Protein backbone atom coordinates (compact mmCIF):
# COMPACT_ATOMS: atom_id res chain seq x y z
CA MET A 1 0.00 0.00 0.00
CA GLU A 2 1.58 3.24 -1.12
CA LEU A 3 1.31 5.92 1.55
CA MET A 4 3.33 8.85 0.19
CA CYS A 5 4.87 9.78 -3.15
CA SER A 6 6.77 12.90 -4.16
CA SER A 7 5.55 12.78 -7.77
CA CYS A 8 1.84 12.86 -6.95
CA HIS A 9 0.75 15.34 -4.30
CA GLN A 10 -1.88 17.41 -6.09
CA SER A 11 -4.62 16.34 -3.69
CA GLU A 12 -2.46 17.06 -0.62
CA ASP A 13 -1.87 20.56 -1.98
CA PHE A 14 -5.58 20.88 -2.69
CA LEU A 15 -6.48 19.77 0.84
CA ALA A 16 -4.78 22.86 2.25
CA GLU A 17 -5.51 25.33 -0.52
CA LYS A 18 -9.24 24.66 -0.76
CA ALA A 19 -9.88 24.81 2.98
CA LEU A 20 -7.92 28.05 3.37
CA ARG A 21 -9.68 29.68 0.41
CA LEU A 22 -13.14 28.66 1.65
CA LEU A 23 -12.47 29.96 5.17
CA GLY A 24 -13.00 33.49 3.92
CA ARG A 25 -10.75 35.07 6.54
CA PRO A 26 -7.05 34.84 7.41
CA ALA A 27 -6.40 31.72 9.47
CA ARG A 28 -4.58 32.39 12.72
CA LYS A 29 -4.07 28.79 13.80
CA VAL A 30 -4.11 25.59 11.74
CA LEU A 31 -3.83 21.93 12.74
CA ILE A 32 -2.51 19.32 10.33
CA GLY A 33 -3.05 15.70 11.31
CA GLY A 34 -0.26 13.71 9.62
CA LEU A 35 3.01 15.12 8.27
CA GLY A 36 3.68 12.79 5.34
CA LEU A 37 6.22 14.30 2.96
CA GLY A 38 5.33 17.82 4.08
CA TYR A 39 3.47 19.02 0.97
CA THR A 40 0.25 19.91 2.80
CA LEU A 41 2.28 21.83 5.37
CA ARG A 42 4.18 23.65 2.62
CA MET A 43 0.95 24.76 0.96
CA VAL A 44 -0.41 26.06 4.27
CA LEU A 45 2.75 28.08 4.88
CA ASN A 46 2.61 29.53 1.37
CA PHE A 47 -0.86 30.93 2.05
CA LEU A 48 -0.51 32.26 5.59
CA ASP A 49 0.93 35.36 7.24
CA ASP A 50 4.05 35.52 9.37
CA ASP A 51 2.14 35.59 12.67
CA VAL A 52 0.17 32.37 12.12
CA GLN A 53 0.74 29.16 14.10
CA VAL A 54 0.68 25.76 12.38
CA VAL A 55 0.56 22.68 14.59
CA VAL A 56 1.53 19.39 12.96
CA SER A 57 0.55 16.25 14.84
CA GLU A 58 2.52 13.20 13.67
CA ILE A 59 2.46 9.94 15.62
CA VAL A 60 5.49 8.33 13.92
CA PRO A 61 8.74 9.96 15.08
CA GLU A 62 10.69 8.47 12.14
CA ILE A 63 8.59 10.47 9.68
CA VAL A 64 9.56 13.69 11.45
CA HIS A 65 13.22 12.60 11.47
CA TRP A 66 13.16 11.71 7.75
CA ASN A 67 11.65 15.10 6.91
CA ARG A 68 14.31 16.94 8.89
CA HIS A 69 17.30 15.01 7.59
CA TYR A 70 16.59 13.27 4.28
CA PHE A 71 13.79 14.57 2.07
CA GLY A 72 12.54 17.86 3.54
CA HIS A 73 14.02 19.73 0.57
CA LEU A 74 11.37 18.18 -1.72
CA ALA A 75 8.73 20.39 -0.05
CA GLY A 76 11.02 23.32 0.65
CA ASN A 77 12.02 22.25 4.20
CA PRO A 78 8.73 23.31 5.84
CA LEU A 79 9.75 22.08 9.30
CA ASP A 80 12.42 24.80 9.39
CA ASP A 81 9.73 27.49 9.34
CA PRO A 82 9.38 29.21 12.76
CA ARG A 83 5.59 29.20 12.40
CA VAL A 84 5.53 25.39 12.68
CA GLU A 85 5.15 23.43 15.90
CA VAL A 86 5.57 19.65 15.54
CA ARG A 87 3.96 17.42 18.14
CA VAL A 88 4.93 13.75 18.02
CA GLU A 89 1.65 12.40 19.33
CA ASP A 90 -1.68 10.95 18.30
CA VAL A 91 -3.75 13.66 16.60
CA ARG A 92 -6.69 12.64 18.76
CA HIS A 93 -4.74 13.84 21.81
CA THR A 94 -4.01 17.13 20.05
CA LEU A 95 -7.68 17.58 19.21
CA ASP A 96 -8.86 16.80 22.74
CA ASN A 97 -6.55 19.51 24.11
CA GLY A 98 -7.58 22.21 21.64
CA ARG A 99 -11.26 23.02 22.02
CA GLU A 100 -12.24 25.81 19.56
CA ALA A 101 -8.53 26.42 18.99
CA TYR A 102 -8.12 26.01 15.22
CA ASP A 103 -9.54 27.94 12.29
CA VAL A 104 -8.72 25.04 9.96
CA VAL A 105 -8.14 21.35 10.72
CA LEU A 106 -6.58 19.30 7.92
CA MET A 107 -6.71 15.53 8.44
CA ASP A 108 -4.31 13.57 6.25
CA THR A 109 -3.81 10.36 8.19
CA ASP A 110 -3.71 6.88 6.66
CA ASN A 111 -5.18 6.66 3.15
CA GLY A 112 -8.51 7.95 4.38
CA PRO A 113 -11.39 6.24 6.20
CA GLU A 114 -11.27 3.03 4.18
CA HIS A 115 -7.54 2.19 4.29
CA LEU A 116 -5.92 2.50 7.71
CA VAL A 117 -2.22 2.26 8.48
CA ARG A 118 -2.99 1.61 12.15
CA THR A 119 -6.20 -0.10 13.27
CA GLU A 120 -6.48 2.39 16.13
CA ASN A 121 -6.77 5.23 13.62
CA GLY A 122 -10.28 4.06 12.76
CA ASP A 123 -11.56 6.17 15.65
CA ILE A 124 -10.49 9.30 13.77
CA TYR A 125 -13.17 8.60 11.16
CA ARG A 126 -15.85 7.35 13.55
CA GLU A 127 -18.34 9.61 15.30
CA CYS A 128 -16.06 10.17 18.31
CA GLY A 129 -13.18 11.35 16.11
CA ILE A 130 -15.30 13.50 13.83
CA ARG A 131 -16.89 15.17 16.85
CA ALA A 132 -13.42 15.84 18.28
CA VAL A 133 -12.49 17.60 15.03
CA GLU A 134 -15.71 19.61 15.12
CA ARG A 135 -15.09 20.69 18.74
CA ALA A 136 -11.54 21.79 17.91
CA LEU A 137 -12.74 24.30 15.30
CA THR A 138 -13.27 27.97 16.01
CA PRO A 139 -16.74 29.31 15.10
CA GLY A 140 -16.98 29.26 11.32
CA GLY A 141 -13.87 27.09 11.03
CA ILE A 142 -13.37 24.43 8.38
CA ALA A 143 -12.29 20.80 8.62
CA ALA A 144 -10.93 18.86 5.65
CA PHE A 145 -10.32 15.12 5.42
CA TRP A 146 -8.15 13.54 2.70
CA SER A 147 -9.22 10.18 1.28
CA SER A 148 -7.94 7.93 -1.47
CA GLU A 149 -11.49 6.91 -2.33
CA LEU A 150 -15.09 7.87 -1.62
CA SER A 151 -16.51 6.49 1.62
CA PRO A 152 -20.31 6.23 1.91
CA ALA A 153 -19.96 5.09 5.54
CA PHE A 154 -17.90 8.16 6.42
CA GLU A 155 -20.42 10.38 4.63
CA LYS A 156 -23.24 8.98 6.78
CA ARG A 157 -21.25 9.89 9.88
CA LEU A 158 -20.71 13.41 8.56
CA ASP A 159 -24.47 13.65 8.01
CA ALA A 160 -25.08 12.89 11.69
CA LEU A 161 -23.28 16.04 12.87
CA PRO A 162 -24.70 19.59 12.96
CA TRP A 163 -22.62 20.89 10.08
CA THR A 164 -22.57 21.12 6.31
CA TRP A 165 -20.16 19.11 4.19
CA ARG A 166 -19.09 18.68 0.59
CA CYS A 167 -16.70 16.40 -1.25
CA ASP A 168 -14.29 17.58 -3.95
CA SER A 169 -12.59 15.05 -6.21
CA VAL A 170 -9.12 15.85 -7.48
CA PRO A 171 -7.91 14.23 -10.74
CA LEU A 172 -4.45 12.73 -10.61
CA SER A 173 -2.09 13.85 -13.34
CA GLY A 174 -0.42 11.11 -15.31
CA GLY A 175 -2.92 8.49 -14.14
CA ARG A 176 -6.06 6.94 -15.57
CA VAL A 177 -8.86 9.27 -16.60
CA ASP A 178 -10.93 7.85 -13.74
CA ALA A 179 -8.15 8.21 -11.13
CA PHE A 180 -9.10 10.61 -8.31
CA HIS A 181 -8.33 11.41 -4.72
CA HIS A 182 -10.99 13.06 -2.60
CA VAL A 183 -11.23 15.85 -0.03
CA TYR A 184 -14.18 16.08 2.35
CA LEU A 185 -14.77 19.61 3.67
CA ALA A 186 -17.08 20.42 6.58
CA SER A 187 -18.10 23.49 8.56
CA ARG A 188 -20.79 24.56 11.01
CA ASP A 189 -21.18 27.67 8.85
CA ALA A 190 -22.76 26.46 5.61
CA ALA A 191 -21.90 29.72 3.86
CA ASN A 192 -18.24 28.75 4.05
CA LEU A 193 -18.76 25.93 1.62
CA HIS A 194 -20.35 28.20 -1.04
CA TYR A 195 -23.10 25.81 -2.10
CA PRO A 196 -25.43 23.29 -0.43
CA ARG A 197 -24.06 20.01 0.90
CA VAL A 198 -23.37 17.44 -1.79
CA VAL A 199 -25.50 14.38 -1.09
CA GLY A 200 -24.20 12.41 -4.07
CA ALA A 201 -20.58 13.12 -3.30
CA SER A 202 -19.26 11.37 -6.40
CA THR A 203 -20.88 14.05 -8.60
CA ALA A 204 -18.71 16.81 -7.18
CA MET A 205 -15.67 17.21 -9.40
CA THR A 206 -13.15 20.03 -9.21
CA THR A 207 -9.71 20.69 -10.53
CA MET A 208 -6.83 22.39 -8.85
CA SER A 209 -7.29 26.15 -8.81
CA GLU A 210 -4.48 28.36 -10.02
CA ARG A 211 -1.81 28.72 -7.37
CA ASN A 212 -0.68 32.00 -5.86
CA ALA A 213 2.62 33.28 -7.18
CA GLY A 214 5.46 31.48 -5.48
CA ALA A 215 3.29 28.65 -4.18
CA SER A 216 4.39 26.01 -6.66
CA LEU A 217 7.26 23.65 -5.93
CA PRO A 218 9.85 22.13 -8.24
CA ARG A 219 8.77 18.76 -9.59
CA PRO A 220 11.07 15.75 -9.54
CA PRO A 221 12.84 15.18 -12.89
CA GLU A 222 11.44 12.59 -15.23
CA ASP A 223 14.38 10.25 -14.68
CA GLY A 224 13.08 9.66 -11.15
CA SER A 225 16.31 10.71 -9.45
CA ARG A 226 14.36 12.66 -6.83
CA LEU A 227 11.31 10.44 -6.77
CA LEU A 228 10.42 9.19 -3.31
CA ARG A 229 7.79 6.55 -2.56
CA VAL A 230 6.89 5.39 0.93
CA ARG A 231 4.93 2.17 1.23
CA ARG A 232 3.49 0.19 4.09
CA ALA A 233 5.33 -3.11 4.48
């Protein structure tokens, strides 16, 4: 099971960009659940002011170490940014200690609700975890969940909470025409999501919006010399 790849991170970029654009106000504090290769973090930093705080909750200390010492340059060394606070802990602990603390919560753990790296992570996508995310948001804040595929079961759980949600599907460049990753966005303020909740989530298709100047990152060369893939054994 492939978990991270430096040649295909459009949907990780989109996860951050879309949530920050929909917020409609400058975010002062952002939580990212899952560090990965750092592309979501890089996109957040590209959009935010110098006085913002970005908390990254990563449960695997080796991933933090690898980012600092081996492949951080692929995403522009985002952990070196003074706005970033890394917490090596379960994101559920971070959420439980941050009631109404975050304008945006970006959840990029596992491969989404249907494909877990750790069995314990299933709670993140159950009612208890989703409610923890909702409680951690400031009024009008936005939560976004990355997923490798659509999850009807997860959508039913989102329906059970007092908020509005939508699902955007991001086409993968260089893949099959039907290859997509998906981003679920939710907020207590329905106006933040710009249009009514998508009931048939698979009908919602979007493409990456044009990046701000300076937000793009160098792509690995075609010979694969800077290509990095991380798989679950």
